[in-house]
Every structure is written in structure tokens, then in C-alpha cells.
């Protein structure tokens, strides 16, 4: 298991997610706690980088950007976006 925490900006962004985004976002949190490497590297030139993104929502209209600190089994959520299409 990984500890999942929010950066200040990400916490504010998560706090204002609309109702439609809440269940898919909670699913992302569950994934980050057990399999954070399942996201996509933010740096396409370095697929093993520790900053990743994970899309969420029925039409992938949300995205979480996060950093993995493997030696500490820690995930820090850096940004939460919701397009709400």
C-alpha cells in the first residue's frame, strides 16, 4: 500500500470537484493507493519518471497529476483537473 496525500493546490482543486466527478475521483484514489505506477508518465521521453497522470471519469474528462516517492511508498497528488464535458 502507498500513502496518498494532496499538495495544497491539489487539495483545493479536489474540494471543488462537481458531484459527477466524485465517484470516479474516489476510484482514482483507490488505484493510487495500490497501483500508482499504472498511470502514464508525464514525460514521454522518460516513461520511468516518477511524475505520472491518470485520467478519470466516464469520458476521461478528469486528470490527476501525481508524484511517486517509491522509497517511502508515498504518492503526492500535485494537480486535479476536471473538464466536465
PDB file of N, CA and C in Angstrom:
ATOM      1  N   UNK A   1       0.834  -1.181   0.000  1.00  0.00           N
ATOM      2  CA  UNK A   1       0.000   0.000   0.000  1.00  0.00           C
ATOM      3  C   UNK A   1       0.880   1.247   0.000  1.00  0.00           C
ATOM      4  N   UNK A   2       0.363   2.264  -0.658  1.00  0.00           N
ATOM      5  CA  UNK A   2       1.023   3.566  -0.700  1.00  0.00           C
ATOM      6  C   UNK A   2       0.185   4.568   0.081  1.00  0.00           C
ATOM      7  N   UNK A   3       0.851   5.460   0.791  1.00  0.00           N
ATOM      8  CA  UNK A   3       0.158   6.579   1.425  1.00  0.00           C
ATOM      9  C   UNK A   3      -0.112   7.606   0.336  1.00  0.00           C
ATOM     10  N   UNK A   4      -1.338   8.116   0.285  1.00  0.00           N
ATOM     11  CA  UNK A   4      -1.716   9.108  -0.722  1.00  0.00           C
ATOM     12  C   UNK A   4      -2.054  10.409  -0.003  1.00  0.00           C
ATOM     13  N   UNK A   5      -1.373  11.478  -0.414  1.00  0.00           N
ATOM     14  CA  UNK A   5      -1.606  12.790   0.185  1.00  0.00           C
ATOM     15  C   UNK A   5      -1.742  13.827  -0.921  1.00  0.00           C
ATOM     16  N   UNK A   6      -2.312  14.960  -0.569  1.00  0.00           N
ATOM     17  CA  UNK A   6      -2.518  16.055  -1.505  1.00  0.00           C
ATOM     18  C   UNK A   6      -1.510  17.165  -1.247  1.00  0.00           C
ATOM     19  N   UNK A   7      -1.032  17.793  -2.329  1.00  0.00           N
ATOM     20  CA  UNK A   7      -0.366  19.076  -2.210  1.00  0.00           C
ATOM     21  C   UNK A   7      -1.442  20.121  -1.971  1.00  0.00           C
ATOM     22  N   UNK A   8      -1.057  21.315  -1.521  1.00  0.00           N
ATOM     23  CA  UNK A   8      -2.040  22.352  -1.196  1.00  0.00           C
ATOM     24  C   UNK A   8      -2.958  22.684  -2.374  1.00  0.00           C
ATOM     25  N   UNK A   9      -2.375  22.897  -3.537  1.00  0.00           N
ATOM     26  CA  UNK A   9      -3.170  23.247  -4.716  1.00  0.00           C
ATOM     27  C   UNK A   9      -4.125  22.120  -5.095  1.00  0.00           C
ATOM     28  N   UNK A  10      -3.637  20.895  -5.049  1.00  0.00           N
ATOM     29  CA  UNK A  10      -4.460  19.744  -5.414  1.00  0.00           C
ATOM     30  C   UNK A  10      -5.622  19.561  -4.449  1.00  0.00           C
ATOM     31  N   UNK A  11      -5.399  19.824  -3.181  1.00  0.00           N
ATOM     32  CA  UNK A  11      -6.483  19.705  -2.195  1.00  0.00           C
ATOM     33  C   UNK A  11      -7.598  20.698  -2.523  1.00  0.00           C
ATOM     34  N   UNK A  12      -7.228  21.921  -2.846  1.00  0.00           N
ATOM     35  CA  UNK A  12      -8.218  22.931  -3.218  1.00  0.00           C
ATOM     36  C   UNK A  12      -8.980  22.515  -4.470  1.00  0.00           C
ATOM     37  N   UNK A  13      -8.285  21.961  -5.441  1.00  0.00           N
ATOM     38  CA  UNK A  13      -8.921  21.520  -6.677  1.00  0.00           C
ATOM     39  C   UNK A  13      -9.864  20.351  -6.422  1.00  0.00           C
ATOM     40  N   UNK A  14      -9.452  19.416  -5.599  1.00  0.00           N
ATOM     41  CA  UNK A  14     -10.305  18.264  -5.288  1.00  0.00           C
ATOM     42  C   UNK A  14     -11.543  18.692  -4.505  1.00  0.00           C
ATOM     43  N   UNK A  15     -11.392  19.690  -3.659  1.00  0.00           N
ATOM     44  CA  UNK A  15     -12.514  20.159  -2.837  1.00  0.00           C
ATOM     45  C   UNK A  15     -13.650  20.757  -3.662  1.00  0.00           C
ATOM     46  N   UNK A  16     -13.368  21.215  -4.864  1.00  0.00           N
ATOM     47  CA  UNK A  16     -14.413  21.849  -5.679  1.00  0.00           C
ATOM     48  C   UNK A  16     -14.865  20.984  -6.858  1.00  0.00           C
ATOM     49  N   UNK A  17     -14.494  19.707  -6.853  1.00  0.00           N
ATOM     50  CA  UNK A  17     -14.972  18.815  -7.916  1.00  0.00           C
ATOM     51  C   UNK A  17     -16.494  18.728  -7.867  1.00  0.00           C
ATOM     52  N   UNK A  18     -17.140  18.702  -9.023  1.00  0.00           N
ATOM     53  CA  UNK A  18     -18.592  18.567  -9.039  1.00  0.00           C
ATOM     54  C   UNK A  18     -19.027  17.156  -8.626  1.00  0.00           C
ATOM     55  N   UNK A  19     -20.275  17.041  -8.300  1.00  0.00           N
ATOM     56  CA  UNK A  19     -20.828  15.774  -7.835  1.00  0.00           C
ATOM     57  C   UNK A  19     -20.536  14.631  -8.806  1.00  0.00           C
ATOM     58  N   UNK A  20     -20.657  14.882 -10.125  1.00  0.00           N
ATOM     59  CA  UNK A  20     -20.426  13.835 -11.146  1.00  0.00           C
ATOM     60  C   UNK A  20     -19.010  13.271 -11.087  1.00  0.00           C
ATOM     61  N   UNK A  21     -18.074  14.069 -10.593  1.00  0.00           N
ATOM     62  CA  UNK A  21     -16.674  13.656 -10.592  1.00  0.00           C
ATOM     63  C   UNK A  21     -16.272  12.894  -9.340  1.00  0.00           C
ATOM     64  N   UNK A  22     -17.090  12.938  -8.309  1.00  0.00           N
ATOM     65  CA  UNK A  22     -16.666  12.385  -7.016  1.00  0.00           C
ATOM     66  C   UNK A  22     -16.421  10.879  -7.041  1.00  0.00           C
ATOM     67  N   UNK A  23     -17.353  10.100  -7.546  1.00  0.00           N
ATOM     68  CA  UNK A  23     -17.158   8.639  -7.566  1.00  0.00           C
ATOM     69  C   UNK A  23     -15.953   8.250  -8.426  1.00  0.00           C
ATOM     70  N   UNK A  24     -15.817   8.797  -9.650  1.00  0.00           N
ATOM     71  CA  UNK A  24     -14.619   8.451 -10.428  1.00  0.00           C
ATOM     72  C   UNK A  24     -13.323   8.897  -9.753  1.00  0.00           C
ATOM     73  N   UNK A  25     -13.350  10.042  -9.074  1.00  0.00           N
ATOM     74  CA  UNK A  25     -12.153  10.517  -8.385  1.00  0.00           C
ATOM     75  C   UNK A  25     -11.799   9.587  -7.223  1.00  0.00           C
ATOM     76  N   UNK A  26     -12.797   9.116  -6.502  1.00  0.00           N
ATOM     77  CA  UNK A  26     -12.530   8.166  -5.407  1.00  0.00           C
ATOM     78  C   UNK A  26     -11.924   6.873  -5.943  1.00  0.00           C
ATOM     79  N   UNK A  27     -12.327   6.461  -7.138  1.00  0.00           N
ATOM     80  CA  UNK A  27     -11.724   5.280  -7.761  1.00  0.00           C
ATOM     81  C   UNK A  27     -10.245   5.521  -8.047  1.00  0.00           C
ATOM     82  N   UNK A  28      -9.915   6.726  -8.509  1.00  0.00           N
ATOM     83  CA  UNK A  28      -8.515   7.073  -8.755  1.00  0.00           C
ATOM     84  C   UNK A  28      -7.716   6.987  -7.454  1.00  0.00           C
ATOM     85  N   UNK A  29      -8.270   7.516  -6.385  1.00  0.00           N
ATOM     86  CA  UNK A  29      -7.570   7.456  -5.097  1.00  0.00           C
ATOM     87  C   UNK A  29      -7.301   6.012  -4.686  1.00  0.00           C
ATOM     88  N   UNK A  30      -8.264   5.129  -4.929  1.00  0.00           N
ATOM     89  CA  UNK A  30      -8.072   3.718  -4.596  1.00  0.00           C
ATOM     90  C   UNK A  30      -6.945   3.114  -5.433  1.00  0.00           C
ATOM     91  N   UNK A  31      -6.903   3.434  -6.716  1.00  0.00           N
ATOM     92  CA  UNK A  31      -5.841   2.930  -7.594  1.00  0.00           C
ATOM     93  C   UNK A  31      -4.484   3.449  -7.129  1.00  0.00           C
ATOM     94  N   UNK A  32      -4.420   4.731  -6.798  1.00  0.00           N
ATOM     95  CA  UNK A  32      -3.140   5.305  -6.368  1.00  0.00           C
ATOM     96  C   UNK A  32      -2.622   4.646  -5.097  1.00  0.00           C
ATOM     97  N   UNK A  33      -3.511   4.182  -4.258  1.00  0.00           N
ATOM     98  CA  UNK A  33      -3.106   3.533  -3.023  1.00  0.00           C
ATOM     99  C   UNK A  33      -2.498   2.156  -3.216  1.00  0.00           C
ATOM    100  N   UNK A  34      -2.834   1.500  -4.326  1.00  0.00           N
ATOM    101  CA  UNK A  34      -2.329   0.133  -4.533  1.00  0.00           C
ATOM    102  C   UNK A  34      -1.491  -0.049  -5.792  1.00  0.00           C
ATOM    103  N   UNK A  35      -1.726   0.756  -6.823  1.00  0.00           N
ATOM    104  CA  UNK A  35      -1.011   0.573  -8.094  1.00  0.00           C
ATOM    105  C   UNK A  35      -0.722   1.907  -8.779  1.00  0.00           C
ATOM    106  N   UNK A  36       0.020   2.789  -8.130  1.00  0.00           N
ATOM    107  CA  UNK A  36       0.229   4.120  -8.712  1.00  0.00           C
ATOM    108  C   UNK A  36       1.018   4.120 -10.019  1.00  0.00           C
ATOM    109  N   UNK A  37       1.809   3.102 -10.249  1.00  0.00           N
ATOM    110  CA  UNK A  37       2.589   3.048 -11.489  1.00  0.00           C
ATOM    111  C   UNK A  37       1.724   2.730 -12.702  1.00  0.00           C
ATOM    112  N   UNK A  38       0.430   2.539 -12.518  1.00  0.00           N
ATOM    113  CA  UNK A  38      -0.461   2.249 -13.643  1.00  0.00           C
ATOM    114  C   UNK A  38      -0.811   3.501 -14.442  1.00  0.00           C
ATOM    115  N   UNK A  39      -0.396   4.676 -13.972  1.00  0.00           N
ATOM    116  CA  UNK A  39      -0.633   5.914 -14.710  1.00  0.00           C
ATOM    117  C   UNK A  39       0.326   6.048 -15.876  1.00  0.00           C
ATOM    118  N   UNK A  40       0.211   7.163 -16.584  1.00  0.00           N
ATOM    119  CA  UNK A  40       1.045   7.451 -17.746  1.00  0.00           C
ATOM    120  C   UNK A  40       2.088   8.495 -17.355  1.00  0.00           C
ATOM    121  N   UNK A  41       3.328   8.262 -17.722  1.00  0.00           N
ATOM    122  CA  UNK A  41       4.400   9.201 -17.403  1.00  0.00           C
ATOM    123  C   UNK A  41       4.102  10.560 -18.002  1.00  0.00           C
ATOM    124  N   UNK A  42       4.306  11.609 -17.246  1.00  0.00           N
ATOM    125  CA  UNK A  42       4.113  12.969 -17.739  1.00  0.00           C
ATOM    126  C   UNK A  42       5.165  13.307 -18.798  1.00  0.00           C
ATOM    127  N   UNK A  43       6.323  12.685 -18.704  1.00  0.00           N
ATOM    128  CA  UNK A  43       7.425  12.915 -19.636  1.00  0.00           C
ATOM    129  C   UNK A  43       7.511  11.730 -20.595  1.00  0.00           C
ATOM    130  N   UNK A  44       7.020  11.942 -21.818  1.00  0.00           N
ATOM    131  CA  UNK A  44       7.015  10.847 -22.794  1.00  0.00           C
ATOM    132  C   UNK A  44       8.420  10.342 -23.120  1.00  0.00           C
ATOM    133  N   UNK A  45       9.416  11.210 -22.972  1.00  0.00           N
ATOM    134  CA  UNK A  45      10.796  10.808 -23.249  1.00  0.00           C
ATOM    135  C   UNK A  45      11.390   9.962 -22.130  1.00  0.00           C
ATOM    136  N   UNK A  46      10.735   9.946 -20.983  1.00  0.00           N
ATOM    137  CA  UNK A  46      11.214   9.161 -19.848  1.00  0.00           C
ATOM    138  C   UNK A  46      10.022   8.405 -19.247  1.00  0.00           C
ATOM    139  N   UNK A  47       9.671   7.265 -19.822  1.00  0.00           N
ATOM    140  CA  UNK A  47       8.496   6.528 -19.347  1.00  0.00           C
ATOM    141  C   UNK A  47       8.620   6.007 -17.919  1.00  0.00           C
ATOM    142  N   UNK A  48       9.824   6.026 -17.354  1.00  0.00           N
ATOM    143  CA  UNK A  48      10.018   5.560 -15.983  1.00  0.00           C
ATOM    144  C   UNK A  48      10.074   6.699 -14.968  1.00  0.00           C
ATOM    145  N   UNK A  49       9.737   7.912 -15.400  1.00  0.00           N
ATOM    146  CA  UNK A  49       9.754   9.064 -14.491  1.00  0.00           C
ATOM    147  C   UNK A  49       8.717   8.868 -13.395  1.00  0.00           C
ATOM    148  N   UNK A  50       8.932   9.544 -12.283  1.00  0.00           N
ATOM    149  CA  UNK A  50       8.044   9.333 -11.136  1.00  0.00           C
ATOM    150  C   UNK A  50       6.895  10.340 -11.061  1.00  0.00           C
ATOM    151  N   UNK A  51       6.720  11.179 -12.077  1.00  0.00           N
ATOM    152  CA  UNK A  51       5.546  12.054 -12.148  1.00  0.00           C
ATOM    153  C   UNK A  51       4.658  11.511 -13.261  1.00  0.00           C
ATOM    154  N   UNK A  52       3.434  11.152 -12.877  1.00  0.00           N
ATOM    155  CA  UNK A  52       2.517  10.492 -13.790  1.00  0.00           C
ATOM    156  C   UNK A  52       1.167  11.181 -13.807  1.00  0.00           C
ATOM    157  N   UNK A  53       0.349  10.789 -14.784  1.00  0.00           N
ATOM    158  CA  UNK A  53      -1.030  11.272 -14.856  1.00  0.00           C
ATOM    159  C   UNK A  53      -1.960  10.071 -14.959  1.00  0.00           C
ATOM    160  N   UNK A  54      -3.178  10.275 -14.510  1.00  0.00           N
ATOM    161  CA  UNK A  54      -4.195   9.236 -14.605  1.00  0.00           C
ATOM    162  C   UNK A  54      -5.517   9.930 -14.917  1.00  0.00           C
ATOM    163  N   UNK A  55      -6.130   9.552 -16.039  1.00  0.00           N
ATOM    164  CA  UNK A  55      -7.416  10.118 -16.435  1.00  0.00           C
ATOM    165  C   UNK A  55      -8.528   9.410 -15.681  1.00  0.00           C
ATOM    166  N   UNK A  56      -9.625  10.143 -15.442  1.00  0.00           N
ATOM    167  CA  UNK A  56     -10.766   9.541 -14.756  1.00  0.00           C
ATOM    168  C   UNK A  56     -12.063  10.146 -15.265  1.00  0.00           C
ATOM    169  N   UNK A  57     -13.135   9.475 -14.962  1.00  0.00           N
ATOM    170  CA  UNK A  57     -14.463   9.904 -15.406  1.00  0.00           C
ATOM    171  C   UNK A  57     -14.940   9.032 -16.551  1.00  0.00           C
ATOM    172  N   UNK A  58     -16.248   9.020 -16.792  1.00  0.00           N
ATOM    173  CA  UNK A  58     -16.795   8.139 -17.830  1.00  0.00           C
ATOM    174  C   UNK A  58     -16.261   8.446 -19.225  1.00  0.00           C
ATOM    175  N   UNK A  59     -15.911   9.692 -19.495  1.00  0.00           N
ATOM    176  CA  UNK A  59     -15.342  10.064 -20.791  1.00  0.00           C
ATOM    177  C   UNK A  59     -13.923  10.605 -20.630  1.00  0.00           C
ATOM    178  N   UNK A  60     -13.289  10.215 -19.525  1.00  0.00           N
ATOM    179  CA  UNK A  60     -11.906  10.637 -19.233  1.00  0.00           C
ATOM    180  C   UNK A  60     -11.785  12.160 -19.213  1.00  0.00           C
ATOM    181  N   UNK A  61     -12.784  12.824 -18.634  1.00  0.00           N
ATOM    182  CA  UNK A  61     -12.775  14.279 -18.602  1.00  0.00           C
ATOM    183  C   UNK A  61     -12.049  14.852 -17.379  1.00  0.00           C
ATOM    184  N   UNK A  62     -11.491  13.993 -16.565  1.00  0.00           N
ATOM    185  CA  UNK A  62     -10.697  14.435 -15.431  1.00  0.00           C
ATOM    186  C   UNK A  62      -9.283  13.886 -15.523  1.00  0.00           C
ATOM    187  N   UNK A  63      -8.359  14.575 -14.855  1.00  0.00           N
ATOM    188  CA  UNK A  63      -6.987  14.090 -14.832  1.00  0.00           C
ATOM    189  C   UNK A  63      -6.338  14.451 -13.498  1.00  0.00           C
ATOM    190  N   UNK A  64      -5.611  13.484 -12.974  1.00  0.00           N
ATOM    191  CA  UNK A  64      -4.827  13.680 -11.760  1.00  0.00           C
ATOM    192  C   UNK A  64      -3.356  13.582 -12.153  1.00  0.00           C
ATOM    193  N   UNK A  65      -2.574  14.548 -11.712  1.00  0.00           N
ATOM    194  CA  UNK A  65      -1.124  14.504 -11.888  1.00  0.00           C
ATOM    195  C   UNK A  65      -0.527  14.265 -10.508  1.00  0.00           C
ATOM    196  N   UNK A  66       0.396  13.324 -10.423  1.00  0.00           N
ATOM    197  CA  UNK A  66       0.920  12.935  -9.115  1.00  0.00           C
ATOM    198  C   UNK A  66       2.371  12.486  -9.206  1.00  0.00           C
ATOM    199  N   UNK A  67       3.013  12.491  -8.060  1.00  0.00           N
ATOM    200  CA  UNK A  67       4.413  12.085  -7.954  1.00  0.00           C
ATOM    201  C   UNK A  67       4.512  10.884  -7.016  1.00  0.00           C
ATOM    202  N   UNK A  68       5.298   9.905  -7.421  1.00  0.00           N
ATOM    203  CA  UNK A  68       5.512   8.707  -6.601  1.00  0.00           C
ATOM    204  C   UNK A  68       6.896   8.791  -5.966  1.00  0.00           C
ATOM    205  N   UNK A  69       6.945   8.635  -4.664  1.00  0.00           N
ATOM    206  CA  UNK A  69       8.207   8.509  -3.932  1.00  0.00           C
ATOM    207  C   UNK A  69       8.289   7.053  -3.480  1.00  0.00           C
ATOM    208  N   UNK A  70       8.836   6.239  -4.352  1.00  0.00           N
ATOM    209  CA  UNK A  70       8.815   4.788  -4.158  1.00  0.00           C
ATOM    210  C   UNK A  70       9.502   4.361  -2.864  1.00  0.00           C
ATOM    211  N   UNK A  71      10.629   4.971  -2.538  1.00  0.00           N
ATOM    212  CA  UNK A  71      11.355   4.556  -1.340  1.00  0.00           C
ATOM    213  C   UNK A  71      10.550   4.781  -0.062  1.00  0.00           C
ATOM    214  N   UNK A  72       9.598   5.694  -0.115  1.00  0.00           N
ATOM    215  CA  UNK A  72       8.730   5.965   1.042  1.00  0.00           C
ATOM    216  C   UNK A  72       7.334   5.370   0.886  1.00  0.00           C
ATOM    217  N   UNK A  73       7.078   4.727  -0.289  1.00  0.00           N
ATOM    218  CA  UNK A  73       5.735   4.182  -0.591  1.00  0.00           C
ATOM    219  C   UNK A  73       4.697   5.294  -0.413  1.00  0.00           C
ATOM    220  N   UNK A  74       4.978   6.434  -1.064  1.00  0.00           N
ATOM    221  CA  UNK A  74       4.188   7.648  -0.900  1.00  0.00           C
ATOM    222  C   UNK A  74       3.790   8.198  -2.270  1.00  0.00           C
ATOM    223  N   UNK A  75       2.545   8.636  -2.384  1.00  0.00           N
ATOM    224  CA  UNK A  75       2.049   9.306  -3.585  1.00  0.00           C
ATOM    225  C   UNK A  75       1.575  10.694  -3.180  1.00  0.00           C
ATOM    226  N   UNK A  76       2.072  11.694  -3.880  1.00  0.00           N
ATOM    227  CA  UNK A  76       1.644  13.072  -3.638  1.00  0.00           C
ATOM    228  C   UNK A  76       0.856  13.542  -4.856  1.00  0.00           C
ATOM    229  N   UNK A  77      -0.401  13.888  -4.648  1.00  0.00           N
ATOM    230  CA  UNK A  77      -1.229  14.418  -5.734  1.00  0.00           C
ATOM    231  C   UNK A  77      -0.854  15.876  -5.924  1.00  0.00           C
ATOM    232  N   UNK A  78      -0.461  16.212  -7.154  1.00  0.00           N
ATOM    233  CA  UNK A  78       0.000  17.556  -7.457  1.00  0.00           C
ATOM    234  C   UNK A  78      -1.088  18.435  -8.057  1.00  0.00           C
ATOM    235  N   UNK A  79      -1.945  17.831  -8.886  1.00  0.00           N
ATOM    236  CA  UNK A  79      -2.969  18.611  -9.572  1.00  0.00           C
ATOM    237  C   UNK A  79      -4.167  17.737  -9.873  1.00  0.00           C
ATOM    238  N   UNK A  80      -5.363  18.311  -9.753  1.00  0.00           N
ATOM    239  CA  UNK A  80      -6.613  17.634 -10.089  1.00  0.00           C
ATOM    240  C   UNK A  80      -7.363  18.546 -11.053  1.00  0.00           C
ATOM    241  N   UNK A  81      -7.662  18.035 -12.241  1.00  0.00           N
ATOM    242  CA  UNK A  81      -8.396  18.822 -13.231  1.00  0.00           C
ATOM    243  C   UNK A  81      -9.675  18.093 -13.630  1.00  0.00           C
ATOM    244  N   UNK A  82     -10.713  18.863 -13.891  1.00  0.00           N
ATOM    245  CA  UNK A  82     -11.988  18.314 -14.350  1.00  0.00           C
ATOM    246  C   UNK A  82     -12.530  19.223 -15.447  1.00  0.00           C
ATOM    247  N   UNK A  83     -12.694  18.686 -16.642  1.00  0.00           N
ATOM    248  CA  UNK A  83     -13.193  19.482 -17.766  1.00  0.00           C
ATOM    249  C   UNK A  83     -14.714  19.521 -17.789  1.00  0.00           C
ATOM    250  N   UNK A  84     -15.339  18.497 -17.231  1.00  0.00           N
ATOM    251  CA  UNK A  84     -16.786  18.474 -17.124  1.00  0.00           C
ATOM    252  C   UNK A  84     -17.535  18.473 -18.431  1.00  0.00           C
ATOM    253  N   UNK A  85     -17.002  17.847 -19.440  1.00  0.00           N
ATOM    254  CA  UNK A  85     -17.674  17.783 -20.736  1.00  0.00           C
ATOM    255  C   UNK A  85     -18.868  16.875 -20.709  1.00  0.00           C
TER     256      UNK A  85
END
